[in-house]
C-alpha atoms as a PDB file:
ATOM      1  CA  MET A   1     -18.522 -68.774 -12.722  1.00  0.00           C
ATOM      2  CA  ILE A   2     -16.096 -66.164 -14.584  1.00  0.00           C
ATOM      3  CA  ILE A   3     -12.266 -65.859 -15.922  1.00  0.00           C
ATOM      4  CA  LEU A   4     -11.110 -62.916 -15.966  1.00  0.00           C
ATOM      5  CA  ARG A   5      -6.947 -62.722 -18.350  1.00  0.00           C
ATOM      6  CA  LEU A   6      -4.809 -60.163 -16.050  1.00  0.00           C
ATOM      7  CA  SER A   7      -2.273 -58.322 -17.908  1.00  0.00           C
ATOM      8  CA  GLY A   8       0.103 -56.155 -17.489  1.00  0.00           C
ATOM      9  CA  GLY A   9       1.424 -54.418 -14.217  1.00  0.00           C
ATOM     10  CA  LEU A  10       0.294 -53.780 -10.843  1.00  0.00           C
ATOM     11  CA  GLY A  11      -2.088 -50.743 -11.260  1.00  0.00           C
ATOM     12  CA  ASN A  12      -4.100 -52.316 -14.450  1.00  0.00           C
ATOM     13  CA  GLN A  13      -4.089 -55.755 -12.121  1.00  0.00           C
ATOM     14  CA  MET A  14      -6.510 -53.455  -9.869  1.00  0.00           C
ATOM     15  CA  PHE A  15      -8.374 -52.767 -12.133  1.00  0.00           C
ATOM     16  CA  GLN A  16      -8.821 -56.304 -14.079  1.00  0.00           C
ATOM     17  CA  TYR A  17      -9.720 -57.699 -10.128  1.00  0.00           C
ATOM     18  CA  ALA A  18     -11.893 -54.925  -9.266  1.00  0.00           C
ATOM     19  CA  PHE A  19     -13.799 -55.228 -12.334  1.00  0.00           C
ATOM     20  CA  GLY A  20     -14.316 -58.960 -12.064  1.00  0.00           C
ATOM     21  CA  ARG A  21     -14.640 -58.764  -8.021  1.00  0.00           C
ATOM     22  CA  ALA A  22     -17.327 -56.742  -8.275  1.00  0.00           C
ATOM     23  CA  THR A  23     -19.392 -58.943 -11.884  1.00  0.00           C
ATOM     24  CA  SER A  24     -18.886 -62.151  -9.348  1.00  0.00           C
ATOM     25  CA  ARG A  25     -20.839 -60.570  -5.995  1.00  0.00           C
ATOM     26  CA  HIS A  26     -23.308 -59.524  -8.710  1.00  0.00           C
ATOM     27  CA  LEU A  27     -23.494 -62.558 -10.294  1.00  0.00           C
ATOM     28  CA  GLY A  28     -23.178 -64.576  -7.051  1.00  0.00           C
ATOM     29  CA  VAL A  29     -20.208 -66.577  -8.392  1.00  0.00           C
ATOM     30  CA  GLU A  30     -16.707 -67.320  -8.413  1.00  0.00           C
ATOM     31  CA  MET A  31     -13.916 -65.263  -9.805  1.00  0.00           C
ATOM     32  CA  LEU A  32     -11.186 -67.232 -10.950  1.00  0.00           C
ATOM     33  CA  LEU A  33      -8.129 -65.391 -13.041  1.00  0.00           C
ATOM     34  CA  GLU A  34      -5.734 -66.563 -15.611  1.00  0.00           C
ATOM     35  CA  VAL A  35      -2.663 -65.507 -15.661  1.00  0.00           C
ATOM     36  CA  SER A  36      -0.850 -66.501 -19.119  1.00  0.00           C
ATOM     37  CA  ASP A  37      -0.445 -63.410 -20.797  1.00  0.00           C
ATOM     38  CA  PRO A  38       3.186 -62.291 -21.155  1.00  0.00           C
ATOM     39  CA  THR A  39       3.032 -58.712 -20.087  1.00  0.00           C
ATOM     40  CA  LEU A  40       2.328 -59.382 -16.552  1.00  0.00           C
ATOM     41  CA  SER A  41       6.376 -61.654 -16.960  1.00  0.00           C
ATOM     42  CA  ILE A  42       7.306 -57.727 -18.320  1.00  0.00           C
ATOM     43  CA  HIS A  43       7.118 -55.606 -15.064  1.00  0.00           C
ATOM     44  CA  ASN A  44       6.882 -57.899 -11.498  1.00  0.00           C
ATOM     45  CA  GLY A  45       4.649 -61.088 -12.728  1.00  0.00           C
ATOM     46  CA  PHE A  46       1.584 -61.906 -11.102  1.00  0.00           C
ATOM     47  CA  GLU A  47       1.336 -59.668  -8.058  1.00  0.00           C
ATOM     48  CA  LEU A  48      -2.374 -59.063  -6.527  1.00  0.00           C
ATOM     49  CA  ASP A  49      -2.340 -62.236  -3.564  1.00  0.00           C
ATOM     50  CA  ARG A  50       1.865 -61.068  -3.434  1.00  0.00           C
ATOM     51  CA  VAL A  51       0.960 -57.842  -2.236  1.00  0.00           C
ATOM     52  CA  PHE A  52      -2.709 -57.742  -1.000  1.00  0.00           C
ATOM     53  CA  ASN A  53      -4.587 -59.198   1.322  1.00  0.00           C
ATOM     54  CA  ILE A  54      -7.017 -61.461  -0.739  1.00  0.00           C
ATOM     55  CA  ASP A  55      -7.252 -65.143  -1.488  1.00  0.00           C
ATOM     56  CA  VAL A  56      -8.016 -65.829  -5.214  1.00  0.00           C
ATOM     57  CA  ARG A  57      -7.549 -69.164  -7.065  1.00  0.00           C
ATOM     58  CA  ILE A  58      -6.063 -69.687 -10.672  1.00  0.00           C
ATOM     59  CA  ALA A  59      -7.916 -70.637 -13.200  1.00  0.00           C
ATOM     60  CA  THR A  60      -6.522 -74.419 -14.373  1.00  0.00           C
ATOM     61  CA  GLU A  61      -6.963 -76.409 -17.622  1.00  0.00           C
ATOM     62  CA  SER A  62     -10.793 -77.951 -16.411  1.00  0.00           C
ATOM     63  CA  ASP A  63     -11.497 -74.601 -16.016  1.00  0.00           C
ATOM     64  CA  MET A  64     -11.224 -72.731 -19.407  1.00  0.00           C
ATOM     65  CA  ARG A  65     -11.897 -75.774 -21.275  1.00  0.00           C
ATOM     66  CA  ALA A  66     -15.251 -75.342 -19.130  1.00  0.00           C
ATOM     67  CA  VAL A  67     -15.806 -71.965 -19.941  1.00  0.00           C
ATOM     68  CA  LEU A  68     -14.061 -71.252 -23.688  1.00  0.00           C
ATOM     69  CA  GLY A  69     -14.532 -75.202 -25.066  1.00  0.00           C
ATOM     70  CA  TRP A  70     -11.889 -74.931 -28.229  1.00  0.00           C
ATOM     71  CA  GLN A  71     -11.952 -70.774 -28.087  1.00  0.00           C
ATOM     72  CA  ARG A  72      -9.560 -71.992 -24.970  1.00  0.00           C
ATOM     73  CA  LEU A  73      -6.514 -71.666 -27.575  1.00  0.00           C
ATOM     74  CA  ASP A  74      -4.950 -68.432 -26.906  1.00  0.00           C
ATOM     75  CA  VAL A  75      -4.069 -68.668 -30.900  1.00  0.00           C
ATOM     76  CA  VAL A  76      -7.661 -68.289 -31.316  1.00  0.00           C
ATOM     77  CA  ARG A  77      -8.454 -65.801 -28.969  1.00  0.00           C
ATOM     78  CA  LYS A  78      -6.700 -63.192 -31.177  1.00  0.00           C
ATOM     79  CA  ILE A  79      -7.841 -63.906 -34.142  1.00  0.00           C
ATOM     80  CA  ILE A  80     -11.757 -63.538 -32.999  1.00  0.00           C
ATOM     81  CA  LYS A  81     -10.269 -60.291 -31.182  1.00  0.00           C
ATOM     82  CA  LYS A  82      -8.507 -59.252 -34.755  1.00  0.00           C
ATOM     83  CA  ILE A  83     -11.475 -59.265 -37.045  1.00  0.00           C
ATOM     84  CA  GLY A  84     -13.775 -58.425 -34.495  1.00  0.00           C
ATOM     85  CA  LEU A  85     -16.008 -61.432 -34.200  1.00  0.00           C
ATOM     86  CA  ALA A  86     -16.050 -61.261 -30.306  1.00  0.00           C
ATOM     87  CA  SER A  87     -19.277 -60.197 -30.140  1.00  0.00           C
ATOM     88  CA  PHE A  88     -20.151 -63.577 -31.891  1.00  0.00           C
ATOM     89  CA  PHE A  89     -19.530 -65.449 -29.477  1.00  0.00           C
ATOM     90  CA  LEU A  90     -20.515 -62.633 -27.098  1.00  0.00           C
ATOM     91  CA  ASN A  91     -21.709 -65.701 -23.906  1.00  0.00           C
ATOM     92  CA  ARG A  92     -18.669 -67.599 -23.741  1.00  0.00           C
ATOM     93  CA  CYS A  93     -15.125 -64.920 -24.916  1.00  0.00           C
ATOM     94  CA  ILE A  94     -15.916 -61.294 -24.269  1.00  0.00           C
ATOM     95  CA  VAL A  95     -13.643 -59.132 -25.085  1.00  0.00           C
ATOM     96  CA  GLU A  96     -14.060 -55.143 -23.600  1.00  0.00           C
ATOM     97  CA  PRO A  97     -15.299 -53.645 -26.547  1.00  0.00           C
ATOM     98  CA  HIS A  98     -13.416 -50.229 -26.093  1.00  0.00           C
ATOM     99  CA  PHE A  99     -11.993 -47.788 -23.600  1.00  0.00           C
ATOM    100  CA  TYR A 100     -14.917 -46.308 -22.148  1.00  0.00           C
ATOM    101  CA  TYR A 101     -17.272 -47.702 -19.548  1.00  0.00           C
ATOM    102  CA  SER A 102     -19.878 -49.485 -20.893  1.00  0.00           C
ATOM    103  CA  HIS A 103     -22.747 -49.851 -19.216  1.00  0.00           C
ATOM    104  CA  ALA A 104     -23.505 -53.561 -20.937  1.00  0.00           C
ATOM    105  CA  MET A 105     -20.453 -55.045 -19.153  1.00  0.00           C
ATOM    106  CA  ARG A 106     -23.378 -54.536 -16.282  1.00  0.00           C
ATOM    107  CA  HIS A 107     -25.000 -57.733 -17.528  1.00  0.00           C
ATOM    108  CA  VAL A 108     -22.569 -60.129 -18.154  1.00  0.00           C
ATOM    109  CA  PRO A 109     -23.218 -63.916 -17.959  1.00  0.00           C
ATOM    110  CA  ASP A 110     -21.898 -66.271 -15.980  1.00  0.00           C
ATOM    111  CA  GLY A 111     -19.845 -69.057 -17.327  1.00  0.00           C
ATOM    112  CA  THR A 112     -18.199 -66.227 -19.316  1.00  0.00           C
ATOM    113  CA  PHE A 113     -13.967 -65.088 -20.181  1.00  0.00           C
ATOM    114  CA  LEU A 114     -13.752 -61.953 -19.324  1.00  0.00           C
ATOM    115  CA  CYS A 115     -10.710 -60.099 -21.629  1.00  0.00           C
ATOM    116  CA  GLY A 116      -9.726 -56.255 -20.949  1.00  0.00           C
ATOM    117  CA  TYR A 117      -8.978 -53.413 -18.570  1.00  0.00           C
ATOM    118  CA  TRP A 118     -12.196 -52.345 -17.528  1.00  0.00           C
ATOM    119  CA  GLN A 119     -10.351 -48.774 -16.177  1.00  0.00           C
ATOM    120  CA  SER A 120     -13.207 -46.267 -14.837  1.00  0.00           C
ATOM    121  CA  GLU A 121     -14.240 -46.894 -10.960  1.00  0.00           C
ATOM    122  CA  LYS A 122     -17.916 -47.371 -12.565  1.00  0.00           C
ATOM    123  CA  TYR A 123     -17.510 -50.563 -13.021  1.00  0.00           C
ATOM    124  CA  PHE A 124     -17.542 -51.237  -9.321  1.00  0.00           C
ATOM    125  CA  ALA A 125     -18.352 -48.401  -7.451  1.00  0.00           C
ATOM    126  CA  ASP A 126     -20.839 -49.271  -5.906  1.00  0.00           C
ATOM    127  CA  GLU A 127     -18.398 -52.916  -4.196  1.00  0.00           C
ATOM    128  CA  SER A 128     -15.821 -49.854  -3.310  1.00  0.00           C
ATOM    129  CA  GLU A 129     -15.904 -50.851   0.041  1.00  0.00           C
ATOM    130  CA  CYS A 130     -15.402 -54.251  -0.699  1.00  0.00           C
ATOM    131  CA  ILE A 131     -12.572 -53.507  -3.163  1.00  0.00           C
ATOM    132  CA  ARG A 132     -10.733 -51.622   0.078  1.00  0.00           C
ATOM    133  CA  ASP A 133     -11.231 -53.665   2.100  1.00  0.00           C
ATOM    134  CA  GLU A 134      -9.541 -56.564  -0.218  1.00  0.00           C
ATOM    135  CA  PHE A 135      -7.069 -53.615  -1.220  1.00  0.00           C
ATOM    136  CA  ARG A 136      -5.263 -54.266   1.858  1.00  0.00           C
ATOM    137  CA  PHE A 137      -1.656 -54.687   2.408  1.00  0.00           C
ATOM    138  CA  ARG A 138      -0.503 -58.310   3.054  1.00  0.00           C
ATOM    139  CA  GLU A 139       2.577 -57.210   5.095  1.00  0.00           C
ATOM    140  CA  PRO A 140       2.752 -54.203   7.300  1.00  0.00           C
ATOM    141  CA  PRO A 141       5.980 -51.696   6.333  1.00  0.00           C
ATOM    142  CA  SER A 142       9.292 -52.325   7.848  1.00  0.00           C
ATOM    143  CA  GLY A 143      12.623 -50.261   7.679  1.00  0.00           C
ATOM    144  CA  VAL A 144      12.557 -46.519   5.947  1.00  0.00           C
ATOM    145  CA  ASN A 145       8.678 -46.909   5.120  1.00  0.00           C
ATOM    146  CA  LYS A 146       7.350 -47.324   8.271  1.00  0.00           C
ATOM    147  CA  GLU A 147       9.320 -44.354   9.615  1.00  0.00           C
ATOM    148  CA  LEU A 148       7.545 -42.342   5.567  1.00  0.00           C
ATOM    149  CA  VAL A 149       4.454 -43.766   7.296  1.00  0.00           C
ATOM    150  CA  GLN A 150       4.599 -42.126  11.362  1.00  0.00           C
ATOM    151  CA  GLU A 151       5.996 -39.218   9.018  1.00  0.00           C
ATOM    152  CA  ILE A 152       2.900 -38.715   7.174  1.00  0.00           C
ATOM    153  CA  ALA A 153       0.161 -40.003   9.234  1.00  0.00           C
ATOM    154  CA  ALA A 154       1.732 -36.629  11.626  1.00  0.00           C
ATOM    155  CA  SER A 155       1.949 -34.115   8.958  1.00  0.00           C
ATOM    156  CA  ASN A 156      -1.762 -32.489   9.970  1.00  0.00           C
ATOM    157  CA  GLY A 157      -3.452 -33.047   6.429  1.00  0.00           C
ATOM    158  CA  ALA A 158      -0.702 -31.626   4.561  1.00  0.00           C
ATOM    159  CA  ALA A 159       0.686 -34.672   2.576  1.00  0.00           C
ATOM    160  CA  ILE A 160       0.989 -34.563  -1.217  1.00  0.00           C
ATOM    161  CA  SER A 161       2.069 -37.830  -2.952  1.00  0.00           C
ATOM    162  CA  LEU A 162       3.271 -36.471  -6.401  1.00  0.00           C
ATOM    163  CA  HIS A 163       3.811 -39.182  -8.991  1.00  0.00           C
ATOM    164  CA  VAL A 164       6.311 -38.456 -12.472  1.00  0.00           C
ATOM    165  CA  ARG A 165       5.799 -41.790 -15.056  1.00  0.00           C
ATOM    166  CA  ARG A 166       8.633 -42.225 -17.103  1.00  0.00           C
ATOM    167  CA  GLY A 167      10.562 -45.271 -17.941  1.00  0.00           C
ATOM    168  CA  ASP A 168       8.923 -47.747 -21.103  1.00  0.00           C
ATOM    169  CA  TYR A 169       6.710 -44.134 -21.226  1.00  0.00           C
ATOM    170  CA  VAL A 170      10.272 -42.533 -22.366  1.00  0.00           C
ATOM    171  CA  HIS A 171      12.420 -44.902 -23.194  1.00  0.00           C
ATOM    172  CA  ASN A 172      10.167 -47.989 -25.292  1.00  0.00           C
ATOM    173  CA  GLN A 173       9.241 -45.958 -28.534  1.00  0.00           C
ATOM    174  CA  ALA A 174       5.866 -48.897 -28.853  1.00  0.00           C
ATOM    175  CA  VAL A 175       4.567 -47.821 -25.601  1.00  0.00           C
ATOM    176  CA  SER A 176       5.582 -43.994 -25.790  1.00  0.00           C
ATOM    177  CA  GLN A 177       3.322 -43.587 -28.791  1.00  0.00           C
ATOM    178  CA  VAL A 178       0.141 -45.142 -27.210  1.00  0.00           C
ATOM    179  CA  HIS A 179       0.891 -43.051 -23.730  1.00  0.00           C
ATOM    180  CA  GLY A 180       3.314 -40.529 -24.215  1.00  0.00           C
ATOM    181  CA  SER A 181       4.796 -39.117 -20.460  1.00  0.00           C
ATOM    182  CA  CYS A 182       3.321 -35.746 -18.543  1.00  0.00           C
ATOM    183  CA  SER A 183       4.023 -32.616 -19.128  1.00  0.00           C
ATOM    184  CA  LEU A 184       6.855 -30.046 -16.511  1.00  0.00           C
ATOM    185  CA  ALA A 185       4.037 -27.833 -17.397  1.00  0.00           C
ATOM    186  CA  TYR A 186       1.353 -30.104 -16.427  1.00  0.00           C
ATOM    187  CA  TYR A 187       2.851 -30.689 -12.725  1.00  0.00           C
ATOM    188  CA  ARG A 188       4.212 -26.655 -12.640  1.00  0.00           C
ATOM    189  CA  ALA A 189       0.109 -26.464 -13.092  1.00  0.00           C
ATOM    190  CA  ALA A 190      -1.017 -29.316 -10.813  1.00  0.00           C
ATOM    191  CA  ILE A 191       0.830 -28.290  -7.750  1.00  0.00           C
ATOM    192  CA  GLN A 192      -0.067 -24.565  -8.251  1.00  0.00           C
ATOM    193  CA  ARG A 193      -3.539 -25.388  -8.177  1.00  0.00           C
ATOM    194  CA  VAL A 194      -3.057 -27.967  -4.628  1.00  0.00           C
ATOM    195  CA  LEU A 195      -1.254 -24.273  -3.660  1.00  0.00           C
ATOM    196  CA  GLU A 196      -4.793 -22.384  -3.533  1.00  0.00           C
ATOM    197  CA  GLN A 197      -5.753 -25.356  -1.421  1.00  0.00           C
ATOM    198  CA  VAL A 198      -3.436 -26.844   1.425  1.00  0.00           C
ATOM    199  CA  GLN A 199      -1.837 -24.317   3.872  1.00  0.00           C
ATOM    200  CA  ASN A 200       2.258 -25.662   4.459  1.00  0.00           C
ATOM    201  CA  PRO A 201       2.678 -28.411   2.022  1.00  0.00           C
ATOM    202  CA  PHE A 202       5.000 -31.149   2.026  1.00  0.00           C
ATOM    203  CA  PHE A 203       5.823 -32.728  -1.057  1.00  0.00           C
ATOM    204  CA  TYR A 204       6.354 -36.726  -1.520  1.00  0.00           C
ATOM    205  CA  VAL A 205       7.356 -37.110  -4.590  1.00  0.00           C
ATOM    206  CA  PHE A 206       7.903 -41.243  -6.662  1.00  0.00           C
ATOM    207  CA  SER A 207       9.143 -41.431  -9.664  1.00  0.00           C
ATOM    208  CA  ASP A 208      10.815 -44.723 -11.636  1.00  0.00           C
ATOM    209  CA  ASP A 209      13.261 -41.801 -12.512  1.00  0.00           C
ATOM    210  CA  ILE A 210      14.229 -39.318  -9.953  1.00  0.00           C
ATOM    211  CA  GLU A 211      17.231 -38.530 -10.883  1.00  0.00           C
ATOM    212  CA  TRP A 212      15.571 -37.065 -14.110  1.00  0.00           C
ATOM    213  CA  VAL A 213      12.864 -35.798 -11.735  1.00  0.00           C
ATOM    214  CA  ARG A 214      15.346 -33.593  -9.517  1.00  0.00           C
ATOM    215  CA  THR A 215      16.974 -32.092 -12.250  1.00  0.00           C
ATOM    216  CA  HIS A 216      14.162 -30.954 -13.974  1.00  0.00           C
ATOM    217  CA  LEU A 217      11.344 -30.758 -11.852  1.00  0.00           C
ATOM    218  CA  GLU A 218      11.260 -27.333  -9.515  1.00  0.00           C
ATOM    219  CA  MET A 219      10.353 -27.725  -6.026  1.00  0.00           C
ATOM    220  CA  PRO A 220      11.084 -25.149  -4.470  1.00  0.00           C
ATOM    221  CA  PHE A 221       8.810 -26.468  -1.256  1.00  0.00           C
ATOM    222  CA  PRO A 222       8.625 -29.014   1.399  1.00  0.00           C
ATOM    223  CA  HIS A 223       9.945 -32.126  -0.319  1.00  0.00           C
ATOM    224  CA  ARG A 224      11.053 -35.280  -0.429  1.00  0.00           C
ATOM    225  CA  PHE A 225      11.932 -37.707  -2.426  1.00  0.00           C
ATOM    226  CA  ILE A 226      11.939 -41.486  -2.381  1.00  0.00           C
ATOM    227  CA  ALA A 227      13.846 -43.651  -4.801  1.00  0.00           C
ATOM    228  CA  HIS A 228      14.687 -47.084  -2.577  1.00  0.00           C
ATOM    229  CA  ASN A 229      11.561 -49.167  -3.147  1.00  0.00           C
ATOM    230  CA  ARG A 230      12.458 -51.195  -6.622  1.00  0.00           C
ATOM    231  CA  ASP A 231      11.439 -54.010  -8.415  1.00  0.00           C
ATOM    232  CA  LYS A 232       9.515 -56.542  -6.156  1.00  0.00           C
ATOM    233  CA  LEU A 233       9.110 -53.381  -3.346  1.00  0.00           C
ATOM    234  CA  SER A 234       7.872 -50.834  -5.695  1.00  0.00           C
ATOM    235  CA  CYS A 235       4.031 -51.774  -4.288  1.00  0.00           C
ATOM    236  CA  GLU A 236       4.850 -49.844  -1.130  1.00  0.00           C
ATOM    237  CA  ASP A 237       5.272 -46.344  -3.132  1.00  0.00           C
ATOM    238  CA  MET A 238       1.659 -47.251  -3.577  1.00  0.00           C
ATOM    239  CA  ARG A 239       1.211 -47.691   0.653  1.00  0.00           C
ATOM    240  CA  LEU A 240       2.635 -44.366   0.904  1.00  0.00           C
ATOM    241  CA  MET A 241       1.072 -42.495  -1.956  1.00  0.00           C
ATOM    242  CA  SER A 242      -2.179 -43.439  -0.415  1.00  0.00           C
ATOM    243  CA  LEU A 243      -1.486 -42.361   2.939  1.00  0.00           C
ATOM    244  CA  CYS A 244      -0.909 -38.690   1.784  1.00  0.00           C
ATOM    245  CA  GLN A 245      -3.721 -36.496   2.426  1.00  0.00           C
ATOM    246  CA  HIS A 246      -3.743 -35.177  -1.336  1.00  0.00           C
ATOM    247  CA  HIS A 247      -2.341 -36.523  -4.497  1.00  0.00           C
ATOM    248  CA  ILE A 248      -0.504 -35.329  -7.627  1.00  0.00           C
ATOM    249  CA  ILE A 249      -0.851 -38.376  -9.870  1.00  0.00           C
ATOM    250  CA  ALA A 250       0.488 -38.967 -13.504  1.00  0.00           C
ATOM    251  CA  ASN A 251      -1.405 -41.040 -16.789  1.00  0.00           C
ATOM    252  CA  SER A 252      -0.847 -44.506 -15.124  1.00  0.00           C
ATOM    253  CA  SER A 253      -2.874 -46.684 -13.108  1.00  0.00           C
ATOM    254  CA  PHE A 254      -0.206 -47.195 -10.048  1.00  0.00           C
ATOM    255  CA  SER A 255      -0.975 -43.196  -9.133  1.00  0.00           C
ATOM    256  CA  TRP A 256      -4.501 -43.714  -9.795  1.00  0.00           C
ATOM    257  CA  TRP A 257      -5.536 -45.875  -6.938  1.00  0.00           C
ATOM    258  CA  GLY A 258      -2.349 -44.733  -5.049  1.00  0.00           C
ATOM    259  CA  ALA A 259      -4.893 -41.826  -5.156  1.00  0.00           C
ATOM    260  CA  TRP A 260      -8.179 -44.077  -5.088  1.00  0.00           C
ATOM    261  CA  LEU A 261      -7.165 -45.986  -2.197  1.00  0.00           C
ATOM    262  CA  ASN A 262      -7.063 -43.035   0.303  1.00  0.00           C
ATOM    263  CA  PRO A 263     -10.486 -43.009   0.854  1.00  0.00           C
ATOM    264  CA  ALA A 264     -11.047 -39.310   2.416  1.00  0.00           C
ATOM    265  CA  PRO A 265     -13.849 -37.241   0.817  1.00  0.00           C
ATOM    266  CA  GLU A 266     -12.124 -34.209   1.266  1.00  0.00           C
ATOM    267  CA  LYS A 267      -8.821 -35.239  -0.286  1.00  0.00           C
ATOM    268  CA  ILE A 268      -7.721 -33.447  -3.422  1.00  0.00           C
ATOM    269  CA  VAL A 269      -6.828 -35.950  -6.285  1.00  0.00           C
ATOM    270  CA  VAL A 270      -4.748 -33.601  -9.851  1.00  0.00           C
ATOM    271  CA  ALA A 271      -5.113 -36.042 -12.370  1.00  0.00           C
ATOM    272  CA  PRO A 272      -4.107 -35.228 -16.620  1.00  0.00           C
ATOM    273  CA  LYS A 273      -6.124 -35.474 -19.521  1.00  0.00           C
ATOM    274  CA  ASN A 274      -3.698 -36.277 -21.772  1.00  0.00           C
ATOM    275  CA  TRP A 275      -3.908 -40.261 -20.329  1.00  0.00           C
ATOM    276  CA  PHE A 276      -2.997 -40.742 -23.474  1.00  0.00           C
ATOM    277  CA  ALA A 277      -0.683 -39.153 -27.037  1.00  0.00           C
ATOM    278  CA  ASP A 278      -3.374 -39.301 -28.824  1.00  0.00           C
ATOM    279  CA  GLU A 279      -6.214 -37.092 -28.391  1.00  0.00           C
ATOM    280  CA  CYS A 280      -8.126 -39.789 -26.900  1.00  0.00           C
ATOM    281  CA  ARG A 281      -9.655 -37.961 -23.481  1.00  0.00           C
ATOM    282  CA  PRO A 282     -10.884 -41.086 -21.388  1.00  0.00           C
ATOM    283  CA  HIS A 283     -13.521 -38.953 -19.183  1.00  0.00           C
ATOM    284  CA  ASP A 284     -14.898 -42.217 -18.037  1.00  0.00           C
ATOM    285  CA  LEU A 285     -11.408 -43.103 -15.931  1.00  0.00           C
ATOM    286  CA  PHE A 286     -11.948 -40.171 -13.424  1.00  0.00           C
ATOM    287  CA  PRO A 287     -13.999 -40.246  -9.907  1.00  0.00           C
ATOM    288  CA  TRP A 288     -16.365 -36.975  -9.559  1.00  0.00           C
ATOM    289  CA  GLY A 289     -14.251 -35.459  -7.992  1.00  0.00           C
ATOM    290  CA  TRP A 290     -11.010 -35.176  -9.025  1.00  0.00           C
ATOM    291  CA  VAL A 291      -9.256 -32.221 -11.015  1.00  0.00           C
ATOM    292  CA  VAL A 292      -8.645 -32.654 -14.790  1.00  0.00           C
ATOM    293  CA  LEU A 293      -6.236 -30.148 -15.837  1.00  0.00           C
END
């Protein structure tokens, strides 16, 4: 078996699960999830089995002991990571070496504990059919969301999701220093890029700060602001994004997955090159064919 540590919000959990699922299938072993990371509670907690039609097993203390032995204590793992000794425990505890895709991670052995974000399609591209199947939404849409699903389906290929991520990216100093938020110039350029290829577009605008978007982002095109899905219903925004035919995403794993879950090969996806506030350019993050501005 392998044990995968989950952290962050739904989009991060999906990257981690996809990496772990692909790895477990390559090895022919069971994948277990470890869900004690405090960053899970900052968002909506562990969401995967509530949102998607998947059956996962949470690692028990005996499972953790079987893999990590005395290393199972969080304080020990933190020390290992801090002082750079993760490679010393490579056969048992593997920490993601960097943000970029690492081919070496294709060869992790059975009986390991995996800790990282694993944000690249390259980790699970050859298992994409399996991942798409497991990331089917567990419950059917209802109410306004059901009406929107029908509306998007009737849009004749011209429905475009546009996601503006603000929230902690703007109001939490520590998070803002890492990520920052996409500029209005990016969204204007992205909209123009889509307009070059899509006739009679209709924009579905998603944001955790929809009033800011109404005020600051000029939308002289047919559009609809989606503002009713909050808290544990926010996953419904991802479903609606995935049903649109084209996508303008934020520097957010949430809208990354909203675009990726659309399986159409002809889709247009525009993504920001400035995924982080610093100079890091995560080229392995974007699948082939996505437009990076």
